[in-house]
N, C-alpha and C. Protein backbone atom coordinates (compact mmCIF):
# COMPACT_ATOMS: atom_id res chain seq x y z
N MET A 1 0.31 12.35 -5.44
CA MET A 1 -0.01 11.20 -4.61
C MET A 1 1.18 10.83 -3.73
N ALA A 2 2.39 10.88 -4.26
CA ALA A 2 3.55 10.42 -3.52
C ALA A 2 3.85 11.28 -2.30
N ASP A 3 3.46 12.53 -2.34
CA ASP A 3 3.81 13.39 -1.23
C ASP A 3 2.62 13.76 -0.37
N GLN A 4 1.56 12.95 -0.40
CA GLN A 4 0.40 13.23 0.42
C GLN A 4 0.40 12.37 1.68
N PRO A 5 0.05 12.99 2.81
CA PRO A 5 -0.09 12.18 4.02
C PRO A 5 -1.40 11.39 3.99
N ASN A 6 -1.59 10.56 4.97
CA ASN A 6 -2.82 9.81 5.16
C ASN A 6 -3.97 10.82 5.29
N GLN A 7 -5.05 10.62 4.54
CA GLN A 7 -6.15 11.59 4.54
C GLN A 7 -6.97 11.56 5.83
N LEU A 8 -6.88 10.49 6.59
CA LEU A 8 -7.63 10.39 7.85
C LEU A 8 -6.75 10.72 9.05
N ASN A 9 -5.44 10.56 8.90
CA ASN A 9 -4.49 10.86 9.96
C ASN A 9 -3.24 11.45 9.32
N PRO A 10 -3.21 12.78 9.16
CA PRO A 10 -2.13 13.44 8.42
C PRO A 10 -0.72 13.22 8.97
N ARG A 11 -0.59 12.69 10.17
CA ARG A 11 0.75 12.40 10.69
C ARG A 11 1.33 11.13 10.07
N LYS A 12 0.47 10.27 9.52
CA LYS A 12 0.93 9.00 8.97
C LYS A 12 1.22 9.10 7.48
N VAL A 13 2.07 8.19 7.01
CA VAL A 13 2.34 8.08 5.58
C VAL A 13 1.04 7.65 4.90
N GLY A 14 0.67 8.35 3.84
CA GLY A 14 -0.58 8.05 3.15
C GLY A 14 -0.49 6.82 2.26
N SER A 15 -1.64 6.21 2.01
CA SER A 15 -1.69 5.01 1.17
C SER A 15 -1.26 5.31 -0.25
N GLY A 16 -1.53 6.52 -0.73
CA GLY A 16 -1.07 6.89 -2.06
C GLY A 16 0.45 6.92 -2.13
N ALA A 17 1.08 7.44 -1.10
CA ALA A 17 2.54 7.47 -1.05
C ALA A 17 3.11 6.06 -0.97
N ILE A 18 2.46 5.20 -0.21
CA ILE A 18 2.90 3.81 -0.10
C ILE A 18 2.79 3.13 -1.46
N THR A 19 1.66 3.34 -2.13
CA THR A 19 1.45 2.75 -3.45
C THR A 19 2.49 3.24 -4.44
N THR A 20 2.77 4.53 -4.43
CA THR A 20 3.78 5.08 -5.33
C THR A 20 5.15 4.48 -5.04
N GLY A 21 5.48 4.32 -3.75
CA GLY A 21 6.76 3.72 -3.38
C GLY A 21 6.88 2.29 -3.87
N VAL A 22 5.82 1.51 -3.70
CA VAL A 22 5.84 0.11 -4.16
C VAL A 22 5.94 0.07 -5.69
N GLU A 23 5.16 0.91 -6.37
CA GLU A 23 5.20 0.93 -7.84
C GLU A 23 6.58 1.32 -8.36
N SER A 24 7.17 2.35 -7.78
CA SER A 24 8.51 2.79 -8.21
C SER A 24 9.53 1.69 -7.99
N CYS A 25 9.44 1.03 -6.86
CA CYS A 25 10.35 -0.07 -6.54
C CYS A 25 10.19 -1.20 -7.56
N MET A 26 8.94 -1.53 -7.91
CA MET A 26 8.70 -2.62 -8.86
C MET A 26 9.28 -2.30 -10.24
N ILE A 27 9.14 -1.06 -10.67
CA ILE A 27 9.69 -0.66 -11.97
C ILE A 27 11.21 -0.81 -11.95
N SER A 28 11.83 -0.34 -10.88
CA SER A 28 13.28 -0.43 -10.75
C SER A 28 13.74 -1.89 -10.64
N ALA A 29 13.04 -2.68 -9.84
CA ALA A 29 13.43 -4.08 -9.65
C ALA A 29 13.31 -4.86 -10.95
N LYS A 30 12.25 -4.62 -11.72
CA LYS A 30 12.08 -5.31 -13.00
C LYS A 30 13.20 -4.95 -13.97
N LYS A 31 13.63 -3.70 -13.92
CA LYS A 31 14.70 -3.24 -14.81
C LYS A 31 16.05 -3.82 -14.39
N ASN A 32 16.32 -3.83 -13.08
CA ASN A 32 17.63 -4.26 -12.58
C ASN A 32 17.74 -5.76 -12.34
N GLN A 33 16.63 -6.42 -12.09
CA GLN A 33 16.63 -7.87 -11.83
C GLN A 33 15.52 -8.53 -12.64
N PRO A 34 15.62 -8.55 -13.97
CA PRO A 34 14.54 -9.12 -14.78
C PRO A 34 14.38 -10.62 -14.56
N GLY A 35 13.18 -11.11 -14.86
CA GLY A 35 12.97 -12.55 -14.84
C GLY A 35 12.08 -13.06 -13.73
N ALA A 36 11.82 -12.28 -12.72
CA ALA A 36 10.95 -12.74 -11.63
C ALA A 36 9.48 -12.50 -12.02
N THR A 37 8.58 -13.07 -11.25
CA THR A 37 7.15 -12.84 -11.49
C THR A 37 6.72 -11.51 -10.88
N ASP A 38 5.60 -10.99 -11.36
CA ASP A 38 5.07 -9.75 -10.79
C ASP A 38 4.80 -9.92 -9.29
N LEU A 39 4.33 -11.10 -8.90
CA LEU A 39 4.04 -11.35 -7.49
C LEU A 39 5.33 -11.32 -6.66
N ALA A 40 6.41 -11.85 -7.19
CA ALA A 40 7.69 -11.82 -6.46
C ALA A 40 8.18 -10.37 -6.31
N TYR A 41 8.03 -9.57 -7.38
CA TYR A 41 8.42 -8.16 -7.29
C TYR A 41 7.56 -7.45 -6.24
N LEU A 42 6.27 -7.75 -6.22
CA LEU A 42 5.37 -7.13 -5.25
C LEU A 42 5.76 -7.51 -3.82
N LYS A 43 6.09 -8.77 -3.60
CA LYS A 43 6.52 -9.21 -2.26
C LYS A 43 7.78 -8.46 -1.83
N TYR A 44 8.75 -8.38 -2.75
CA TYR A 44 10.00 -7.69 -2.46
C TYR A 44 9.74 -6.21 -2.15
N CYS A 45 9.02 -5.56 -3.01
CA CYS A 45 8.81 -4.11 -2.87
C CYS A 45 7.90 -3.76 -1.70
N GLY A 46 6.91 -4.62 -1.42
CA GLY A 46 6.09 -4.41 -0.23
C GLY A 46 6.93 -4.49 1.03
N CYS A 47 7.81 -5.47 1.08
CA CYS A 47 8.72 -5.63 2.21
C CYS A 47 9.64 -4.42 2.34
N PHE A 48 10.20 -3.96 1.21
CA PHE A 48 11.13 -2.84 1.25
C PHE A 48 10.41 -1.56 1.70
N MET A 49 9.18 -1.36 1.23
CA MET A 49 8.41 -0.19 1.68
C MET A 49 8.10 -0.30 3.17
N ASP A 50 7.85 -1.51 3.66
CA ASP A 50 7.66 -1.70 5.10
C ASP A 50 8.91 -1.28 5.87
N TYR A 51 10.09 -1.61 5.32
CA TYR A 51 11.34 -1.18 5.95
C TYR A 51 11.38 0.35 6.06
N MET A 52 11.06 1.01 4.95
CA MET A 52 11.09 2.48 4.93
C MET A 52 10.09 3.05 5.94
N ARG A 53 8.87 2.53 5.95
CA ARG A 53 7.84 3.03 6.86
C ARG A 53 8.21 2.77 8.32
N ASN A 54 8.75 1.59 8.57
CA ASN A 54 9.09 1.23 9.95
C ASN A 54 10.27 2.06 10.46
N ALA A 55 11.19 2.39 9.57
CA ALA A 55 12.35 3.20 9.96
C ALA A 55 11.94 4.57 10.49
N VAL A 56 10.77 5.03 10.05
CA VAL A 56 10.30 6.36 10.49
C VAL A 56 9.02 6.26 11.32
N LYS A 57 8.69 5.05 11.75
CA LYS A 57 7.49 4.80 12.56
C LYS A 57 6.22 5.27 11.84
N ASP A 58 6.20 5.12 10.52
CA ASP A 58 5.06 5.46 9.66
C ASP A 58 4.68 6.94 9.76
N ASP A 59 5.65 7.78 10.12
CA ASP A 59 5.43 9.22 10.26
C ASP A 59 5.70 9.91 8.92
N PHE A 60 4.72 10.65 8.42
CA PHE A 60 4.81 11.26 7.10
C PHE A 60 5.98 12.24 6.99
N MET A 61 6.11 13.17 7.91
CA MET A 61 7.18 14.17 7.83
C MET A 61 8.55 13.52 8.00
N ALA A 62 8.65 12.54 8.88
CA ALA A 62 9.92 11.84 9.05
C ALA A 62 10.31 11.09 7.79
N MET A 63 9.32 10.55 7.07
CA MET A 63 9.59 9.84 5.82
C MET A 63 10.20 10.79 4.80
N GLN A 64 9.69 12.01 4.74
CA GLN A 64 10.24 13.00 3.80
C GLN A 64 11.73 13.23 4.10
N ARG A 65 12.07 13.40 5.37
CA ARG A 65 13.47 13.63 5.75
C ARG A 65 14.32 12.38 5.53
N PHE A 66 13.77 11.22 5.85
CA PHE A 66 14.48 9.95 5.73
C PHE A 66 14.91 9.71 4.28
N GLN A 67 14.03 10.00 3.34
CA GLN A 67 14.34 9.76 1.93
C GLN A 67 15.48 10.66 1.44
N GLU A 68 15.65 11.79 2.08
CA GLU A 68 16.73 12.70 1.70
C GLU A 68 18.08 12.25 2.25
N ASN A 69 18.10 11.40 3.28
CA ASN A 69 19.33 11.00 3.97
C ASN A 69 19.47 9.48 4.07
N LEU A 70 19.27 8.78 2.97
CA LEU A 70 19.31 7.32 3.00
C LEU A 70 20.73 6.80 3.23
N ASP A 71 20.86 5.78 4.06
CA ASP A 71 22.14 5.13 4.35
C ASP A 71 22.27 3.90 3.45
N PRO A 72 23.17 3.92 2.47
CA PRO A 72 23.30 2.80 1.52
C PRO A 72 23.54 1.44 2.19
N ALA A 73 24.31 1.41 3.27
CA ALA A 73 24.59 0.12 3.93
C ALA A 73 23.32 -0.48 4.52
N LYS A 74 22.52 0.36 5.16
CA LYS A 74 21.25 -0.15 5.73
C LYS A 74 20.29 -0.56 4.62
N LEU A 75 20.28 0.18 3.53
CA LEU A 75 19.40 -0.17 2.41
C LEU A 75 19.78 -1.51 1.80
N THR A 76 21.08 -1.78 1.69
CA THR A 76 21.54 -3.05 1.15
C THR A 76 21.11 -4.21 2.04
N GLY A 77 21.23 -4.03 3.35
CA GLY A 77 20.79 -5.07 4.27
C GLY A 77 19.29 -5.33 4.16
N ALA A 78 18.51 -4.26 4.09
CA ALA A 78 17.06 -4.40 3.95
C ALA A 78 16.71 -5.04 2.60
N ALA A 79 17.41 -4.64 1.54
CA ALA A 79 17.16 -5.21 0.22
C ALA A 79 17.42 -6.72 0.22
N ASN A 80 18.50 -7.16 0.85
CA ASN A 80 18.80 -8.59 0.91
C ASN A 80 17.76 -9.35 1.72
N THR A 81 17.35 -8.78 2.85
CA THR A 81 16.31 -9.42 3.68
C THR A 81 15.01 -9.54 2.89
N CYS A 82 14.65 -8.48 2.16
CA CYS A 82 13.40 -8.49 1.39
C CYS A 82 13.48 -9.44 0.20
N ALA A 83 14.65 -9.57 -0.40
CA ALA A 83 14.81 -10.52 -1.50
C ALA A 83 14.58 -11.94 -1.00
N ASP A 84 15.13 -12.26 0.18
CA ASP A 84 14.90 -13.59 0.78
C ASP A 84 13.42 -13.80 1.08
N PHE A 85 12.77 -12.78 1.62
CA PHE A 85 11.34 -12.86 1.92
C PHE A 85 10.54 -13.09 0.64
N ALA A 86 10.86 -12.36 -0.42
CA ALA A 86 10.14 -12.49 -1.68
C ALA A 86 10.29 -13.89 -2.26
N LEU A 87 11.48 -14.45 -2.19
CA LEU A 87 11.70 -15.81 -2.70
C LEU A 87 10.88 -16.83 -1.91
N GLU A 88 10.85 -16.64 -0.62
CA GLU A 88 10.12 -17.57 0.25
C GLU A 88 8.61 -17.50 0.05
N HIS A 89 8.08 -16.31 -0.29
CA HIS A 89 6.61 -16.12 -0.36
C HIS A 89 6.12 -15.76 -1.76
N LYS A 90 6.91 -16.02 -2.77
CA LYS A 90 6.61 -15.55 -4.13
C LYS A 90 5.30 -16.09 -4.71
N ASP A 91 4.78 -17.18 -4.17
CA ASP A 91 3.55 -17.76 -4.70
C ASP A 91 2.32 -17.43 -3.85
N GLN A 92 2.49 -16.68 -2.81
CA GLN A 92 1.40 -16.36 -1.89
C GLN A 92 0.62 -15.17 -2.44
N ARG A 93 -0.59 -15.41 -2.94
CA ARG A 93 -1.37 -14.37 -3.61
C ARG A 93 -1.96 -13.34 -2.65
N ILE A 94 -2.41 -13.76 -1.49
CA ILE A 94 -2.99 -12.82 -0.52
C ILE A 94 -1.92 -12.44 0.49
N PRO A 95 -1.74 -11.15 0.73
CA PRO A 95 -0.69 -10.72 1.66
C PRO A 95 -1.05 -11.00 3.12
N THR A 96 -0.86 -12.25 3.54
CA THR A 96 -1.21 -12.61 4.91
C THR A 96 0.00 -12.70 5.83
N GLU A 97 1.17 -13.02 5.27
CA GLU A 97 2.38 -13.13 6.06
C GLU A 97 2.97 -11.75 6.33
N PRO A 98 3.27 -11.46 7.59
CA PRO A 98 3.95 -10.19 7.84
C PRO A 98 5.36 -10.24 7.26
N THR A 99 5.83 -9.10 6.80
CA THR A 99 7.20 -9.04 6.31
C THR A 99 8.13 -8.87 7.50
N PRO A 100 9.42 -9.04 7.29
CA PRO A 100 10.36 -8.83 8.40
C PRO A 100 10.30 -7.41 8.98
N TYR A 101 9.72 -6.47 8.23
CA TYR A 101 9.70 -5.08 8.67
C TYR A 101 8.29 -4.53 8.94
N SER A 102 7.27 -5.36 8.90
CA SER A 102 5.90 -4.84 9.06
C SER A 102 5.43 -4.74 10.51
N LYS A 103 6.22 -5.25 11.44
CA LYS A 103 5.81 -5.17 12.84
C LYS A 103 5.63 -3.70 13.26
N GLY A 104 4.51 -3.42 13.88
CA GLY A 104 4.22 -2.07 14.34
C GLY A 104 3.48 -1.21 13.32
N LEU A 105 3.34 -1.70 12.09
CA LEU A 105 2.60 -0.96 11.07
C LEU A 105 1.13 -1.36 11.12
N ASP A 106 0.24 -0.44 10.75
CA ASP A 106 -1.18 -0.78 10.77
C ASP A 106 -1.54 -1.84 9.74
N LEU A 107 -0.82 -1.87 8.63
CA LEU A 107 -1.07 -2.84 7.57
C LEU A 107 0.19 -2.91 6.70
N PRO A 108 0.63 -4.12 6.33
CA PRO A 108 1.80 -4.20 5.47
C PRO A 108 1.59 -3.45 4.15
N SER A 109 2.66 -2.93 3.60
CA SER A 109 2.59 -2.12 2.38
C SER A 109 2.01 -2.89 1.20
N GLU A 110 2.29 -4.18 1.10
CA GLU A 110 1.73 -4.97 0.00
C GLU A 110 0.20 -4.96 0.05
N ALA A 111 -0.37 -5.07 1.25
CA ALA A 111 -1.82 -5.06 1.39
C ALA A 111 -2.39 -3.68 1.07
N VAL A 112 -1.69 -2.61 1.47
CA VAL A 112 -2.13 -1.25 1.13
C VAL A 112 -2.13 -1.10 -0.39
N PHE A 113 -1.06 -1.52 -1.04
CA PHE A 113 -0.94 -1.45 -2.50
C PHE A 113 -2.07 -2.23 -3.16
N SER A 114 -2.32 -3.44 -2.70
CA SER A 114 -3.37 -4.28 -3.29
C SER A 114 -4.74 -3.64 -3.14
N GLY A 115 -5.01 -3.07 -1.98
CA GLY A 115 -6.29 -2.39 -1.76
C GLY A 115 -6.45 -1.19 -2.66
N TYR A 116 -5.40 -0.40 -2.79
CA TYR A 116 -5.43 0.77 -3.66
C TYR A 116 -5.68 0.34 -5.10
N MET A 117 -4.95 -0.66 -5.57
CA MET A 117 -5.08 -1.10 -6.95
C MET A 117 -6.46 -1.71 -7.22
N GLY A 118 -7.03 -2.39 -6.23
CA GLY A 118 -8.39 -2.91 -6.38
C GLY A 118 -9.40 -1.79 -6.56
N CYS A 119 -9.24 -0.73 -5.80
CA CYS A 119 -10.11 0.45 -5.93
C CYS A 119 -9.93 1.08 -7.31
N GLU A 120 -8.68 1.23 -7.74
CA GLU A 120 -8.40 1.80 -9.07
C GLU A 120 -9.13 1.00 -10.16
N GLN A 121 -9.01 -0.31 -10.08
CA GLN A 121 -9.63 -1.18 -11.08
C GLN A 121 -11.15 -1.04 -11.06
N ALA A 122 -11.73 -1.02 -9.86
CA ALA A 122 -13.19 -0.95 -9.73
C ALA A 122 -13.75 0.39 -10.17
N SER A 123 -12.96 1.45 -10.09
CA SER A 123 -13.49 2.78 -10.39
C SER A 123 -12.99 3.37 -11.71
N LYS A 124 -12.26 2.60 -12.49
CA LYS A 124 -11.63 3.16 -13.69
C LYS A 124 -12.62 3.69 -14.72
N ASP A 125 -13.82 3.12 -14.77
CA ASP A 125 -14.80 3.58 -15.76
C ASP A 125 -15.66 4.74 -15.26
N ASN A 126 -15.63 5.00 -13.95
CA ASN A 126 -16.52 5.99 -13.37
C ASN A 126 -15.85 7.29 -12.94
N LEU A 127 -14.53 7.28 -12.77
CA LEU A 127 -13.84 8.44 -12.24
C LEU A 127 -12.70 8.87 -13.16
N THR A 128 -12.40 10.16 -13.14
CA THR A 128 -11.23 10.63 -13.88
C THR A 128 -9.98 10.12 -13.17
N SER A 129 -8.86 10.23 -13.83
CA SER A 129 -7.60 9.77 -13.24
C SER A 129 -7.31 10.48 -11.92
N ASN A 130 -7.46 11.80 -11.88
CA ASN A 130 -7.20 12.55 -10.65
C ASN A 130 -8.17 12.19 -9.54
N GLN A 131 -9.43 12.00 -9.88
CA GLN A 131 -10.41 11.58 -8.86
C GLN A 131 -10.04 10.21 -8.30
N ARG A 132 -9.66 9.28 -9.18
CA ARG A 132 -9.29 7.92 -8.74
C ARG A 132 -8.11 7.95 -7.79
N ILE A 133 -7.10 8.74 -8.13
CA ILE A 133 -5.90 8.80 -7.29
C ILE A 133 -6.26 9.23 -5.88
N GLY A 134 -6.97 10.35 -5.75
CA GLY A 134 -7.33 10.85 -4.42
C GLY A 134 -8.31 9.95 -3.70
N PHE A 135 -9.36 9.52 -4.41
CA PHE A 135 -10.38 8.68 -3.80
C PHE A 135 -9.81 7.34 -3.35
N CYS A 136 -9.05 6.70 -4.22
CA CYS A 136 -8.51 5.37 -3.87
C CYS A 136 -7.45 5.46 -2.78
N SER A 137 -6.68 6.53 -2.75
CA SER A 137 -5.74 6.73 -1.64
C SER A 137 -6.51 6.81 -0.33
N CYS A 138 -7.58 7.57 -0.34
CA CYS A 138 -8.40 7.74 0.86
C CYS A 138 -9.08 6.43 1.27
N VAL A 139 -9.63 5.71 0.29
CA VAL A 139 -10.28 4.42 0.59
C VAL A 139 -9.27 3.45 1.20
N ALA A 140 -8.06 3.43 0.67
CA ALA A 140 -7.02 2.57 1.24
C ALA A 140 -6.66 3.03 2.65
N ASP A 141 -6.66 4.35 2.87
CA ASP A 141 -6.43 4.87 4.23
C ASP A 141 -7.53 4.38 5.17
N VAL A 142 -8.78 4.37 4.70
CA VAL A 142 -9.90 3.86 5.51
C VAL A 142 -9.68 2.38 5.83
N PHE A 143 -9.31 1.61 4.82
CA PHE A 143 -9.07 0.18 5.00
C PHE A 143 -8.05 -0.08 6.10
N ARG A 144 -7.03 0.77 6.18
CA ARG A 144 -5.99 0.62 7.20
C ARG A 144 -6.53 0.83 8.62
N THR A 145 -7.66 1.52 8.76
CA THR A 145 -8.22 1.78 10.10
C THR A 145 -9.09 0.64 10.59
N LEU A 146 -9.44 -0.29 9.72
CA LEU A 146 -10.37 -1.36 10.09
C LEU A 146 -9.68 -2.44 10.93
N SER A 147 -10.48 -3.21 11.64
CA SER A 147 -9.95 -4.33 12.42
C SER A 147 -9.45 -5.41 11.47
N LYS A 148 -8.57 -6.27 11.97
CA LYS A 148 -8.04 -7.37 11.16
C LYS A 148 -9.18 -8.27 10.66
N LYS A 149 -10.16 -8.52 11.51
CA LYS A 149 -11.28 -9.38 11.13
C LYS A 149 -12.05 -8.77 9.97
N LYS A 150 -12.34 -7.49 10.04
CA LYS A 150 -13.09 -6.80 8.98
C LYS A 150 -12.27 -6.76 7.69
N ARG A 151 -10.97 -6.51 7.80
CA ARG A 151 -10.11 -6.49 6.60
C ARG A 151 -10.10 -7.87 5.93
N ARG A 152 -10.03 -8.92 6.72
CA ARG A 152 -10.02 -10.28 6.17
C ARG A 152 -11.34 -10.57 5.46
N GLU A 153 -12.45 -10.16 6.05
CA GLU A 153 -13.76 -10.35 5.45
C GLU A 153 -13.83 -9.65 4.08
N ILE A 154 -13.28 -8.46 4.00
CA ILE A 154 -13.26 -7.71 2.74
C ILE A 154 -12.38 -8.42 1.71
N GLN A 155 -11.21 -8.91 2.13
CA GLN A 155 -10.32 -9.62 1.21
C GLN A 155 -11.00 -10.87 0.65
N LEU A 156 -11.70 -11.61 1.50
CA LEU A 156 -12.38 -12.82 1.04
C LEU A 156 -13.50 -12.48 0.07
N ARG A 157 -14.21 -11.39 0.33
CA ARG A 157 -15.26 -10.93 -0.56
C ARG A 157 -14.70 -10.61 -1.94
N LYS A 158 -13.56 -9.93 -1.96
CA LYS A 158 -12.94 -9.58 -3.24
C LYS A 158 -12.52 -10.83 -4.00
N LEU A 159 -12.03 -11.84 -3.30
CA LEU A 159 -11.64 -13.09 -3.97
C LEU A 159 -12.84 -13.78 -4.61
N ASP A 160 -14.00 -13.63 -3.99
CA ASP A 160 -15.23 -14.21 -4.54
C ASP A 160 -15.82 -13.35 -5.65
N GLY A 161 -15.19 -12.21 -5.93
CA GLY A 161 -15.69 -11.33 -6.97
C GLY A 161 -16.84 -10.43 -6.53
N ARG A 162 -17.08 -10.35 -5.23
CA ARG A 162 -18.16 -9.49 -4.73
C ARG A 162 -17.59 -8.13 -4.34
N PRO A 163 -18.41 -7.08 -4.44
CA PRO A 163 -17.91 -5.75 -4.07
C PRO A 163 -17.59 -5.65 -2.58
N ALA A 164 -16.48 -4.98 -2.28
CA ALA A 164 -16.04 -4.85 -0.89
C ALA A 164 -16.49 -3.53 -0.27
N LEU A 165 -16.76 -2.52 -1.09
CA LEU A 165 -17.08 -1.20 -0.57
C LEU A 165 -18.25 -1.19 0.42
N PRO A 166 -19.31 -2.01 0.24
CA PRO A 166 -20.41 -1.98 1.22
C PRO A 166 -19.98 -2.35 2.64
N LEU A 167 -18.87 -3.05 2.80
CA LEU A 167 -18.41 -3.42 4.14
C LEU A 167 -17.61 -2.31 4.82
N MET A 168 -17.26 -1.29 4.06
CA MET A 168 -16.46 -0.19 4.60
C MET A 168 -17.38 0.79 5.34
N PRO A 169 -16.85 1.50 6.34
CA PRO A 169 -17.65 2.50 7.05
C PRO A 169 -18.12 3.60 6.09
N GLN A 170 -19.42 3.68 5.89
CA GLN A 170 -19.96 4.56 4.85
C GLN A 170 -19.67 6.04 5.07
N LYS A 171 -19.64 6.49 6.32
CA LYS A 171 -19.33 7.91 6.56
C LYS A 171 -17.91 8.25 6.12
N LYS A 172 -16.99 7.33 6.33
CA LYS A 172 -15.61 7.57 5.90
C LYS A 172 -15.49 7.52 4.39
N ILE A 173 -16.23 6.63 3.75
CA ILE A 173 -16.22 6.55 2.29
C ILE A 173 -16.83 7.83 1.71
N GLN A 174 -17.89 8.33 2.33
CA GLN A 174 -18.49 9.59 1.89
C GLN A 174 -17.50 10.75 2.05
N PHE A 175 -16.73 10.74 3.13
CA PHE A 175 -15.68 11.73 3.32
C PHE A 175 -14.67 11.66 2.17
N CYS A 176 -14.26 10.44 1.82
CA CYS A 176 -13.31 10.26 0.73
C CYS A 176 -13.88 10.81 -0.59
N ALA A 177 -15.15 10.51 -0.83
CA ALA A 177 -15.79 10.99 -2.05
C ALA A 177 -15.85 12.52 -2.07
N ALA A 178 -16.31 13.10 -0.98
CA ALA A 178 -16.46 14.55 -0.93
C ALA A 178 -15.12 15.27 -1.02
N SER A 179 -14.12 14.76 -0.34
CA SER A 179 -12.82 15.45 -0.33
C SER A 179 -12.06 15.29 -1.64
N ASN A 180 -12.54 14.42 -2.51
CA ASN A 180 -11.87 14.21 -3.80
C ASN A 180 -12.79 14.49 -4.99
N ASN A 181 -13.85 15.28 -4.73
CA ASN A 181 -14.78 15.70 -5.78
C ASN A 181 -15.40 14.55 -6.55
N VAL A 182 -15.77 13.49 -5.82
CA VAL A 182 -16.42 12.32 -6.42
C VAL A 182 -17.89 12.35 -6.05
N ARG A 183 -18.74 12.25 -7.05
CA ARG A 183 -20.17 12.17 -6.78
C ARG A 183 -20.55 10.71 -6.62
N GLU A 184 -21.42 10.44 -5.67
CA GLU A 184 -21.78 9.05 -5.40
C GLU A 184 -22.64 8.47 -6.51
């Protein structure tokens, strides 16, 4: 999952890779800075992943090279900026505020992570682990292609406990299912 490009646009960083980056960051942050809430860690790590994506203009191949040549001074600056952002927005449950680094991205990393995790939760009883990883990465990639209005409608539906998948473009969801060996 971490090394897969976007399934709909292979030049872009894939939602699975974004999710893996946020998850890895959260594990590290909890270990190194214990005591914050899960939401605060998510805000911090979503912001930090936005920094990484923005540094490479959300380009998948550039991200691979960037990770091999990280500049510690720039990372420290981004980490401090994201820590301030996380403190300021630690109680905000829906990722509506752009992070300091999300400008120019199709969707902030926190929202990509939340969409992926929502798909994982909804499909955990119906799909194998490998099917879920591929399918949910693809579904999150689809979500990133939608208009802001449509994404907001889906987020509100999920808050009400209603299924969001019917609002997604069905041909793209079918593509996700077929390309990840998921039967409808």
